Amino acid sequence: MSVDVISSAAVKPVAAQSMKAPSSSKSETGVTFGQLLSNALGDVNKLQLDANQASVNLATGKVQDISEAVIATEKASMALQLTMQVRNKVIDAYQEIMRMQV
């Protein structure tokens, strides 16, 4: 049994290989995950306030078209349901991580 000699050209030094540093939490647009989440929650809050205002306007007679109030309410309801589902998934993921044995 013979053993071949490894040539130095086949082995590259570790320092010469390109190693990227881990990227920061900022994306290429400069928005962090926290800012993105905060903006999304702000949008949901705005939809809730708009739906509330549309209901008040309908009740006080400022708006005669009931469909505007219904659409605003449904938008707010869907946004809140989506937010709750995302929250539930985040909590499930957190609980799953906490159950992991180290």
PDB file of N, CA and C in Angstrom:
ATOM      1  N   MET A   1       0.854  -1.164   0.000  1.00  0.00           N
ATOM      2  CA  MET A   1       0.000   0.000   0.000  1.00  0.00           C
ATOM      3  C   MET A   1       0.895   1.219   0.000  1.00  0.00           C
ATOM      4  N   SER A   2       0.606   2.100  -0.935  1.00  0.00           N
ATOM      5  CA  SER A   2       1.408   3.313  -1.030  1.00  0.00           C
ATOM      6  C   SER A   2       0.594   4.526  -0.617  1.00  0.00           C
ATOM      7  N   VAL A   3       1.246   5.501  -0.073  1.00  0.00           N
ATOM      8  CA  VAL A   3       0.599   6.742   0.341  1.00  0.00           C
ATOM      9  C   VAL A   3       1.128   7.842  -0.552  1.00  0.00           C
ATOM     10  N   ASP A   4       0.195   8.564  -1.198  1.00  0.00           N
ATOM     11  CA  ASP A   4       0.600   9.658  -2.065  1.00  0.00           C
ATOM     12  C   ASP A   4       0.886  10.903  -1.240  1.00  0.00           C
ATOM     13  N   VAL A   5       1.815  11.650  -1.696  1.00  0.00           N
ATOM     14  CA  VAL A   5       2.166  12.903  -1.043  1.00  0.00           C
ATOM     15  C   VAL A   5       1.187  13.977  -1.482  1.00  0.00           C
ATOM     16  N   ILE A   6       0.701  14.753  -0.543  1.00  0.00           N
ATOM     17  CA  ILE A   6      -0.214  15.853  -0.859  1.00  0.00           C
ATOM     18  C   ILE A   6       0.609  17.055  -1.266  1.00  0.00           C
ATOM     19  N   SER A   7       0.320  17.555  -2.435  1.00  0.00           N
ATOM     20  CA  SER A   7       1.075  18.717  -2.892  1.00  0.00           C
ATOM     21  C   SER A   7       0.582  19.975  -2.186  1.00  0.00           C
ATOM     22  N   SER A   8       1.439  20.942  -2.057  1.00  0.00           N
ATOM     23  CA  SER A   8       1.073  22.183  -1.364  1.00  0.00           C
ATOM     24  C   SER A   8       0.092  23.018  -2.175  1.00  0.00           C
ATOM     25  N   ALA A   9       0.009  22.788  -3.485  1.00  0.00           N
ATOM     26  CA  ALA A   9      -0.923  23.546  -4.313  1.00  0.00           C
ATOM     27  C   ALA A   9      -2.371  23.133  -4.043  1.00  0.00           C
ATOM     28  N   ALA A  10      -2.577  21.887  -3.591  1.00  0.00           N
ATOM     29  CA  ALA A  10      -3.931  21.411  -3.337  1.00  0.00           C
ATOM     30  C   ALA A  10      -4.485  21.922  -2.017  1.00  0.00           C
ATOM     31  N   VAL A  11      -3.601  22.288  -1.118  1.00  0.00           N
ATOM     32  CA  VAL A  11      -4.046  22.755   0.194  1.00  0.00           C
ATOM     33  C   VAL A  11      -3.956  24.274   0.237  1.00  0.00           C
ATOM     34  N   LYS A  12      -5.075  24.910   0.524  1.00  0.00           N
ATOM     35  CA  LYS A  12      -5.088  26.375   0.625  1.00  0.00           C
ATOM     36  C   LYS A  12      -5.062  26.758   2.089  1.00  0.00           C
ATOM     37  N   PRO A  13      -4.319  27.758   2.396  1.00  0.00           N
ATOM     38  CA  PRO A  13      -4.318  28.208   3.791  1.00  0.00           C
ATOM     39  C   PRO A  13      -5.686  28.737   4.195  1.00  0.00           C
ATOM     40  N   VAL A  14      -6.021  28.524   5.432  1.00  0.00           N
ATOM     41  CA  VAL A  14      -7.339  28.931   5.931  1.00  0.00           C
ATOM     42  C   VAL A  14      -7.517  30.432   5.852  1.00  0.00           C
ATOM     43  N   ALA A  15      -6.491  31.174   6.126  1.00  0.00           N
ATOM     44  CA  ALA A  15      -6.600  32.629   6.129  1.00  0.00           C
ATOM     45  C   ALA A  15      -6.859  33.174   4.730  1.00  0.00           C
ATOM     46  N   ALA A  16      -6.427  32.447   3.693  1.00  0.00           N
ATOM     47  CA  ALA A  16      -6.615  32.936   2.337  1.00  0.00           C
ATOM     48  C   ALA A  16      -8.053  32.759   1.863  1.00  0.00           C
ATOM     49  N   GLN A  17      -8.775  31.818   2.464  1.00  0.00           N
ATOM     50  CA  GLN A  17     -10.153  31.609   2.045  1.00  0.00           C
ATOM     51  C   GLN A  17     -11.001  32.780   2.522  1.00  0.00           C
ATOM     52  N   SER A  18     -11.919  33.118   1.709  1.00  0.00           N
ATOM     53  CA  SER A  18     -12.776  34.248   2.088  1.00  0.00           C
ATOM     54  C   SER A  18     -13.774  33.791   3.131  1.00  0.00           C
ATOM     55  N   MET A  19     -13.736  34.471   4.233  1.00  0.00           N
ATOM     56  CA  MET A  19     -14.690  34.191   5.306  1.00  0.00           C
ATOM     57  C   MET A  19     -15.456  35.462   5.572  1.00  0.00           C
ATOM     58  N   LYS A  20     -16.742  35.381   5.423  1.00  0.00           N
ATOM     59  CA  LYS A  20     -17.578  36.548   5.649  1.00  0.00           C
ATOM     60  C   LYS A  20     -17.941  36.627   7.117  1.00  0.00           C
ATOM     61  N   ALA A  21     -17.939  37.827   7.606  1.00  0.00           N
ATOM     62  CA  ALA A  21     -18.419  38.046   8.971  1.00  0.00           C
ATOM     63  C   ALA A  21     -19.930  37.917   8.962  1.00  0.00           C
ATOM     64  N   PRO A  22     -20.491  37.466  10.071  1.00  0.00           N
ATOM     65  CA  PRO A  22     -21.939  37.360  10.099  1.00  0.00           C
ATOM     66  C   PRO A  22     -22.571  38.723   9.870  1.00  0.00           C
ATOM     67  N   SER A  23     -23.619  38.701   9.068  1.00  0.00           N
ATOM     68  CA  SER A  23     -24.253  39.971   8.750  1.00  0.00           C
ATOM     69  C   SER A  23     -25.000  40.498   9.965  1.00  0.00           C
ATOM     70  N   SER A  24     -25.132  41.775  10.007  1.00  0.00           N
ATOM     71  CA  SER A  24     -25.850  42.387  11.112  1.00  0.00           C
ATOM     72  C   SER A  24     -27.338  42.193  10.917  1.00  0.00           C
ATOM     73  N   SER A  25     -28.123  42.655  11.882  1.00  0.00           N
ATOM     74  CA  SER A  25     -29.564  42.477  11.794  1.00  0.00           C
ATOM     75  C   SER A  25     -30.198  43.424  10.788  1.00  0.00           C
ATOM     76  N   LYS A  26     -29.442  44.379  10.276  1.00  0.00           N
ATOM     77  CA  LYS A  26     -30.001  45.297   9.294  1.00  0.00           C
ATOM     78  C   LYS A  26     -30.000  44.656   7.916  1.00  0.00           C
ATOM     79  N   SER A  27     -31.056  44.871   7.190  1.00  0.00           N
ATOM     80  CA  SER A  27     -31.121  44.383   5.824  1.00  0.00           C
ATOM     81  C   SER A  27     -30.445  45.392   4.911  1.00  0.00           C
ATOM     82  N   GLU A  28     -30.485  45.119   3.651  1.00  0.00           N
ATOM     83  CA  GLU A  28     -29.845  46.022   2.703  1.00  0.00           C
ATOM     84  C   GLU A  28     -30.529  47.372   2.653  1.00  0.00           C
ATOM     85  N   THR A  29     -31.788  47.429   3.049  1.00  0.00           N
ATOM     86  CA  THR A  29     -32.499  48.701   3.040  1.00  0.00           C
ATOM     87  C   THR A  29     -32.253  49.489   4.313  1.00  0.00           C
ATOM     88  N   GLY A  30     -31.583  48.894   5.302  1.00  0.00           N
ATOM     89  CA  GLY A  30     -31.278  49.600   6.527  1.00  0.00           C
ATOM     90  C   GLY A  30     -32.361  49.510   7.571  1.00  0.00           C
ATOM     91  N   VAL A  31     -33.369  48.661   7.361  1.00  0.00           N
ATOM     92  CA  VAL A  31     -34.453  48.511   8.317  1.00  0.00           C
ATOM     93  C   VAL A  31     -34.182  47.260   9.144  1.00  0.00           C
ATOM     94  N   THR A  32     -34.177  47.406  10.449  1.00  0.00           N
ATOM     95  CA  THR A  32     -33.955  46.248  11.310  1.00  0.00           C
ATOM     96  C   THR A  32     -35.253  45.465  11.471  1.00  0.00           C
ATOM     97  N   PHE A  33     -35.100  44.254  11.997  1.00  0.00           N
ATOM     98  CA  PHE A  33     -36.289  43.427  12.220  1.00  0.00           C
ATOM     99  C   PHE A  33     -37.215  44.083  13.237  1.00  0.00           C
ATOM    100  N   GLY A  34     -36.638  44.695  14.249  1.00  0.00           N
ATOM    101  CA  GLY A  34     -37.443  45.374  15.257  1.00  0.00           C
ATOM    102  C   GLY A  34     -38.243  46.528  14.668  1.00  0.00           C
ATOM    103  N   GLN A  35     -37.598  47.292  13.793  1.00  0.00           N
ATOM    104  CA  GLN A  35     -38.305  48.398  13.145  1.00  0.00           C
ATOM    105  C   GLN A  35     -39.411  47.885  12.234  1.00  0.00           C
ATOM    106  N   LEU A  36     -39.121  46.788  11.530  1.00  0.00           N
ATOM    107  CA  LEU A  36     -40.123  46.197  10.644  1.00  0.00           C
ATOM    108  C   LEU A  36     -41.330  45.731  11.445  1.00  0.00           C
ATOM    109  N   LEU A  37     -41.074  45.061  12.561  1.00  0.00           N
ATOM    110  CA  LEU A  37     -42.159  44.584  13.417  1.00  0.00           C
ATOM    111  C   LEU A  37     -42.939  45.744  14.004  1.00  0.00           C
ATOM    112  N   SER A  38     -42.226  46.774  14.434  1.00  0.00           N
ATOM    113  CA  SER A  38     -42.892  47.946  14.991  1.00  0.00           C
ATOM    114  C   SER A  38     -43.766  48.633  13.951  1.00  0.00           C
ATOM    115  N   ASN A  39     -43.264  48.737  12.726  1.00  0.00           N
ATOM    116  CA  ASN A  39     -44.051  49.352  11.653  1.00  0.00           C
ATOM    117  C   ASN A  39     -45.302  48.531  11.348  1.00  0.00           C
ATOM    118  N   ALA A  40     -45.166  47.202  11.351  1.00  0.00           N
ATOM    119  CA  ALA A  40     -46.317  46.345  11.067  1.00  0.00           C
ATOM    120  C   ALA A  40     -47.374  46.485  12.157  1.00  0.00           C
ATOM    121  N   LEU A  41     -46.939  46.534  13.407  1.00  0.00           N
ATOM    122  CA  LEU A  41     -47.906  46.713  14.498  1.00  0.00           C
ATOM    123  C   LEU A  41     -48.544  48.093  14.447  1.00  0.00           C
ATOM    124  N   GLY A  42     -47.786  49.085  14.034  1.00  0.00           N
ATOM    125  CA  GLY A  42     -48.348  50.421  13.858  1.00  0.00           C
ATOM    126  C   GLY A  42     -49.409  50.454  12.773  1.00  0.00           C
ATOM    127  N   ASP A  43     -49.170  49.700  11.694  1.00  0.00           N
ATOM    128  CA  ASP A  43     -50.162  49.628  10.619  1.00  0.00           C
ATOM    129  C   ASP A  43     -51.445  48.959  11.096  1.00  0.00           C
ATOM    130  N   VAL A  44     -51.301  47.898  11.888  1.00  0.00           N
ATOM    131  CA  VAL A  44     -52.483  47.222  12.433  1.00  0.00           C
ATOM    132  C   VAL A  44     -53.249  48.164  13.349  1.00  0.00           C
ATOM    133  N   ASN A  45     -52.527  48.908  14.175  1.00  0.00           N
ATOM    134  CA  ASN A  45     -53.178  49.869  15.063  1.00  0.00           C
ATOM    135  C   ASN A  45     -53.912  50.938  14.267  1.00  0.00           C
ATOM    136  N   LYS A  46     -53.298  51.407  13.181  1.00  0.00           N
ATOM    137  CA  LYS A  46     -53.938  52.430  12.345  1.00  0.00           C
ATOM    138  C   LYS A  46     -55.231  51.890  11.722  1.00  0.00           C
ATOM    139  N   LEU A  47     -55.198  50.626  11.286  1.00  0.00           N
ATOM    140  CA  LEU A  47     -56.414  50.024  10.722  1.00  0.00           C
ATOM    141  C   LEU A  47     -57.511  49.930  11.782  1.00  0.00           C
ATOM    142  N   GLN A  48     -57.142  49.606  13.019  1.00  0.00           N
ATOM    143  CA  GLN A  48     -58.129  49.545  14.103  1.00  0.00           C
ATOM    144  C   GLN A  48     -58.735  50.927  14.357  1.00  0.00           C
ATOM    145  N   LEU A  49     -57.883  51.944  14.369  1.00  0.00           N
ATOM    146  CA  LEU A  49     -58.390  53.304  14.607  1.00  0.00           C
ATOM    147  C   LEU A  49     -59.273  53.768  13.457  1.00  0.00           C
ATOM    148  N   ASP A  50     -58.883  53.431  12.222  1.00  0.00           N
ATOM    149  CA  ASP A  50     -59.699  53.793  11.059  1.00  0.00           C
ATOM    150  C   ASP A  50     -61.065  53.115  11.111  1.00  0.00           C
ATOM    151  N   ALA A  51     -61.084  51.846  11.506  1.00  0.00           N
ATOM    152  CA  ALA A  51     -62.351  51.114  11.607  1.00  0.00           C
ATOM    153  C   ALA A  51     -63.236  51.726  12.684  1.00  0.00           C
ATOM    154  N   ASN A  52     -62.618  52.096  13.795  1.00  0.00           N
ATOM    155  CA  ASN A  52     -63.382  52.732  14.869  1.00  0.00           C
ATOM    156  C   ASN A  52     -63.968  54.061  14.395  1.00  0.00           C
ATOM    157  N   GLN A  53     -63.162  54.846  13.688  1.00  0.00           N
ATOM    158  CA  GLN A  53     -63.634  56.140  13.185  1.00  0.00           C
ATOM    159  C   GLN A  53     -64.738  55.950  12.144  1.00  0.00           C
ATOM    160  N   ALA A  54     -64.608  54.943  11.298  1.00  0.00           N
ATOM    161  CA  ALA A  54     -65.645  54.676  10.302  1.00  0.00           C
ATOM    162  C   ALA A  54     -66.956  54.278  10.963  1.00  0.00           C
ATOM    163  N   SER A  55     -66.867  53.520  12.050  1.00  0.00           N
ATOM    164  CA  SER A  55     -68.078  53.132  12.784  1.00  0.00           C
ATOM    165  C   SER A  55     -68.734  54.342  13.435  1.00  0.00           C
ATOM    166  N   VAL A  56     -67.912  55.212  13.980  1.00  0.00           N
ATOM    167  CA  VAL A  56     -68.446  56.430  14.610  1.00  0.00           C
ATOM    168  C   VAL A  56     -69.093  57.323  13.554  1.00  0.00           C
ATOM    169  N   ASN A  57     -68.412  57.461  12.422  1.00  0.00           N
ATOM    170  CA  ASN A  57     -68.970  58.287  11.341  1.00  0.00           C
ATOM    171  C   ASN A  57     -70.288  57.721  10.834  1.00  0.00           C
ATOM    172  N   LEU A  58     -70.391  56.406  10.757  1.00  0.00           N
ATOM    173  CA  LEU A  58     -71.643  55.787  10.311  1.00  0.00           C
ATOM    174  C   LEU A  58     -72.740  55.999  11.354  1.00  0.00           C
ATOM    175  N   ALA A  59     -72.394  55.856  12.615  1.00  0.00           N
ATOM    176  CA  ALA A  59     -73.394  56.011  13.679  1.00  0.00           C
ATOM    177  C   ALA A  59     -73.875  57.443  13.804  1.00  0.00           C
ATOM    178  N   THR A  60     -72.997  58.398  13.541  1.00  0.00           N
ATOM    179  CA  THR A  60     -73.395  59.801  13.667  1.00  0.00           C
ATOM    180  C   THR A  60     -73.996  60.364  12.386  1.00  0.00           C
ATOM    181  N   GLY A  61     -74.038  59.582  11.332  1.00  0.00           N
ATOM    182  CA  GLY A  61     -74.651  60.020  10.088  1.00  0.00           C
ATOM    183  C   GLY A  61     -73.738  60.806   9.182  1.00  0.00           C
ATOM    184  N   LYS A  62     -72.445  60.869   9.498  1.00  0.00           N
ATOM    185  CA  LYS A  62     -71.513  61.593   8.635  1.00  0.00           C
ATOM    186  C   LYS A  62     -71.267  60.836   7.339  1.00  0.00           C
ATOM    187  N   VAL A  63     -71.414  59.531   7.385  1.00  0.00           N
ATOM    188  CA  VAL A  63     -71.215  58.686   6.199  1.00  0.00           C
ATOM    189  C   VAL A  63     -72.503  57.914   5.965  1.00  0.00           C
ATOM    190  N   GLN A  64     -72.998  57.965   4.742  1.00  0.00           N
ATOM    191  CA  GLN A  64     -74.232  57.262   4.420  1.00  0.00           C
ATOM    192  C   GLN A  64     -73.972  55.866   3.867  1.00  0.00           C
ATOM    193  N   ASP A  65     -72.752  55.651   3.336  1.00  0.00           N
ATOM    194  CA  ASP A  65     -72.434  54.364   2.716  1.00  0.00           C
ATOM    195  C   ASP A  65     -71.939  53.389   3.788  1.00  0.00           C
ATOM    196  N   ILE A  66     -72.750  52.392   4.057  1.00  0.00           N
ATOM    197  CA  ILE A  66     -72.393  51.428   5.101  1.00  0.00           C
ATOM    198  C   ILE A  66     -71.218  50.543   4.685  1.00  0.00           C
ATOM    199  N   SER A  67     -71.018  50.410   3.368  1.00  0.00           N
ATOM    200  CA  SER A  67     -69.947  49.520   2.899  1.00  0.00           C
ATOM    201  C   SER A  67     -68.563  50.027   3.310  1.00  0.00           C
ATOM    202  N   GLU A  68     -68.401  51.343   3.406  1.00  0.00           N
ATOM    203  CA  GLU A  68     -67.102  51.871   3.838  1.00  0.00           C
ATOM    204  C   GLU A  68     -66.776  51.431   5.260  1.00  0.00           C
ATOM    205  N   ALA A  69     -67.761  51.493   6.131  1.00  0.00           N
ATOM    206  CA  ALA A  69     -67.542  51.077   7.518  1.00  0.00           C
ATOM    207  C   ALA A  69     -67.299  49.569   7.600  1.00  0.00           C
ATOM    208  N   VAL A  70     -68.036  48.811   6.803  1.00  0.00           N
ATOM    209  CA  VAL A  70     -67.875  47.354   6.833  1.00  0.00           C
ATOM    210  C   VAL A  70     -66.500  46.955   6.308  1.00  0.00           C
ATOM    211  N   ILE A  71     -66.083  47.602   5.229  1.00  0.00           N
ATOM    212  CA  ILE A  71     -64.762  47.278   4.656  1.00  0.00           C
ATOM    213  C   ILE A  71     -63.656  47.653   5.637  1.00  0.00           C
ATOM    214  N   ALA A  72     -63.756  48.810   6.259  1.00  0.00           N
ATOM    215  CA  ALA A  72     -62.736  49.220   7.232  1.00  0.00           C
ATOM    216  C   ALA A  72     -62.701  48.263   8.422  1.00  0.00           C
ATOM    217  N   THR A  73     -63.878  47.838   8.858  1.00  0.00           N
ATOM    218  CA  THR A  73     -63.933  46.903   9.986  1.00  0.00           C
ATOM    219  C   THR A  73     -63.346  45.545   9.619  1.00  0.00           C
ATOM    220  N   GLU A  74     -63.637  45.069   8.429  1.00  0.00           N
ATOM    221  CA  GLU A  74     -63.103  43.770   7.994  1.00  0.00           C
ATOM    222  C   GLU A  74     -61.587  43.826   7.798  1.00  0.00           C
ATOM    223  N   LYS A  75     -61.096  44.948   7.263  1.00  0.00           N
ATOM    224  CA  LYS A  75     -59.641  45.100   7.125  1.00  0.00           C
ATOM    225  C   LYS A  75     -58.970  45.035   8.490  1.00  0.00           C
ATOM    226  N   ALA A  76     -59.539  45.741   9.443  1.00  0.00           N
ATOM    227  CA  ALA A  76     -58.974  45.748  10.790  1.00  0.00           C
ATOM    228  C   ALA A  76     -59.060  44.368  11.426  1.00  0.00           C
ATOM    229  N   SER A  77     -60.166  43.689  11.196  1.00  0.00           N
ATOM    230  CA  SER A  77     -60.333  42.356  11.767  1.00  0.00           C
ATOM    231  C   SER A  77     -59.327  41.363  11.179  1.00  0.00           C
ATOM    232  N   MET A  78     -59.145  41.405   9.879  1.00  0.00           N
ATOM    233  CA  MET A  78     -58.184  40.502   9.233  1.00  0.00           C
ATOM    234  C   MET A  78     -56.760  40.795   9.684  1.00  0.00           C
ATOM    235  N   ALA A  79     -56.429  42.064   9.799  1.00  0.00           N
ATOM    236  CA  ALA A  79     -55.080  42.428  10.240  1.00  0.00           C
ATOM    237  C   ALA A  79     -54.831  41.968  11.672  1.00  0.00           C
ATOM    238  N   LEU A  80     -55.835  42.104  12.526  1.00  0.00           N
ATOM    239  CA  LEU A  80     -55.685  41.664  13.913  1.00  0.00           C
ATOM    240  C   LEU A  80     -55.559  40.141  13.993  1.00  0.00           C
ATOM    241  N   GLN A  81     -56.355  39.429  13.191  1.00  0.00           N
ATOM    242  CA  GLN A  81     -56.265  37.965  13.193  1.00  0.00           C
ATOM    243  C   GLN A  81     -54.894  37.505  12.710  1.00  0.00           C
ATOM    244  N   LEU A  82     -54.374  38.155  11.683  1.00  0.00           N
ATOM    245  CA  LEU A  82     -53.037  37.802  11.183  1.00  0.00           C
ATOM    246  C   LEU A  82     -51.976  38.080  12.245  1.00  0.00           C
ATOM    247  N   THR A  83     -52.105  39.208  12.919  1.00  0.00           N
ATOM    248  CA  THR A  83     -51.153  39.541  13.979  1.00  0.00           C
ATOM    249  C   THR A  83     -51.205  38.511  15.102  1.00  0.00           C
ATOM    250  N   MET A  84     -52.395  38.089  15.459  1.00  0.00           N
ATOM    251  CA  MET A  84     -52.533  37.089  16.526  1.00  0.00           C
ATOM    252  C   MET A  84     -51.918  35.749  16.107  1.00  0.00           C
ATOM    253  N   GLN A  85     -52.082  35.385  14.838  1.00  0.00           N
ATOM    254  CA  GLN A  85     -51.490  34.132  14.366  1.00  0.00           C
ATOM    255  C   GLN A  85     -49.967  34.196  14.374  1.00  0.00           C
ATOM    256  N   VAL A  86     -49.427  35.330  13.982  1.00  0.00           N
ATOM    257  CA  VAL A  86     -47.967  35.492  14.017  1.00  0.00           C
ATOM    258  C   VAL A  86     -47.476  35.430  15.458  1.00  0.00           C
ATOM    259  N   ARG A  87     -48.189  36.093  16.357  1.00  0.00           N
ATOM    260  CA  ARG A  87     -47.824  36.054  17.778  1.00  0.00           C
ATOM    261  C   ARG A  87     -47.855  34.622  18.310  1.00  0.00           C
ATOM    262  N   ASN A  88     -48.892  33.877  17.947  1.00  0.00           N
ATOM    263  CA  ASN A  88     -48.993  32.493  18.415  1.00  0.00           C
ATOM    264  C   ASN A  88     -47.835  31.644  17.894  1.00  0.00           C
ATOM    265  N   LYS A  89     -47.450  31.856  16.647  1.00  0.00           N
ATOM    266  CA  LYS A  89     -46.324  31.102  16.087  1.00  0.00           C
ATOM    267  C   LYS A  89     -45.016  31.463  16.783  1.00  0.00           C
ATOM    268  N   VAL A  90     -44.838  32.729  17.092  1.00  0.00           N
ATOM    269  CA  VAL A  90     -43.616  33.154  17.791  1.00  0.00           C
ATOM    270  C   VAL A  90     -43.569  32.537  19.185  1.00  0.00           C
ATOM    271  N   ILE A  91     -44.701  32.517  19.873  1.00  0.00           N
ATOM    272  CA  ILE A  91     -44.744  31.915  21.209  1.00  0.00           C
ATOM    273  C   ILE A  91     -44.498  30.416  21.121  1.00  0.00           C
ATOM    274  N   ASP A  92     -45.084  29.751  20.123  1.00  0.00           N
ATOM    275  CA  ASP A  92     -44.836  28.315  19.950  1.00  0.00           C
ATOM    276  C   ASP A  92     -43.353  28.044  19.692  1.00  0.00           C
ATOM    277  N   ALA A  93     -42.729  28.859  18.867  1.00  0.00           N
ATOM    278  CA  ALA A  93     -41.310  28.675  18.568  1.00  0.00           C
ATOM    279  C   ALA A  93     -40.471  28.898  19.824  1.00  0.00           C
ATOM    280  N   TYR A  94     -40.821  29.907  20.603  1.00  0.00           N
ATOM    281  CA  TYR A  94     -40.098  30.178  21.850  1.00  0.00           C
ATOM    282  C   TYR A  94     -40.228  29.006  22.815  1.00  0.00           C
ATOM    283  N   GLN A  95     -41.452  28.483  22.952  1.00  0.00           N
ATOM    284  CA  GLN A  95     -41.663  27.357  23.871  1.00  0.00           C
ATOM    285  C   GLN A  95     -40.929  26.118  23.386  1.00  0.00           C
ATOM    286  N   GLU A  96     -40.879  25.925  22.080  1.00  0.00           N
ATOM    287  CA  GLU A  96     -40.154  24.776  21.531  1.00  0.00           C
ATOM    288  C   GLU A  96     -38.657  24.899  21.817  1.00  0.00           C
ATOM    289  N   ILE A  97     -38.125  26.093  21.693  1.00  0.00           N
ATOM    290  CA  ILE A  97     -36.704  26.304  21.987  1.00  0.00           C
ATOM    291  C   ILE A  97     -36.434  26.080  23.472  1.00  0.00           C
ATOM    292  N   MET A  98     -37.333  26.528  24.329  1.00  0.00           N
ATOM    293  CA  MET A  98     -37.126  26.373  25.759  1.00  0.00           C
ATOM    294  C   MET A  98     -37.206  24.911  26.196  1.00  0.00           C
ATOM    295  N   ARG A  99     -37.916  24.073  25.433  1.00  0.00           N
ATOM    296  CA  ARG A  99     -38.021  22.656  25.773  1.00  0.00           C
ATOM    297  C   ARG A  99     -36.803  21.863  25.319  1.00  0.00           C
ATOM    298  N   MET A 100     -35.964  22.456  24.484  1.00  0.00           N
ATOM    299  CA  MET A 100     -34.783  21.754  23.993  1.00  0.00           C
ATOM    300  C   MET A 100     -33.823  21.480  25.140  1.00  0.00           C
ATOM    301  N   GLN A 101     -33.269  20.303  25.116  1.00  0.00           N
ATOM    302  CA  GLN A 101     -32.281  19.966  26.127  1.00  0.00           C
ATOM    303  C   GLN A 101     -30.907  20.309  25.586  1.00  0.00           C
ATOM    304  N   VAL A 102     -30.147  20.961  26.403  1.00  0.00           N
ATOM    305  CA  VAL A 102     -28.818  21.396  25.973  1.00  0.00           C
ATOM    306  C   VAL A 102     -27.793  20.360  26.334  1.00  0.00           C
TER     307      VAL A 102
END
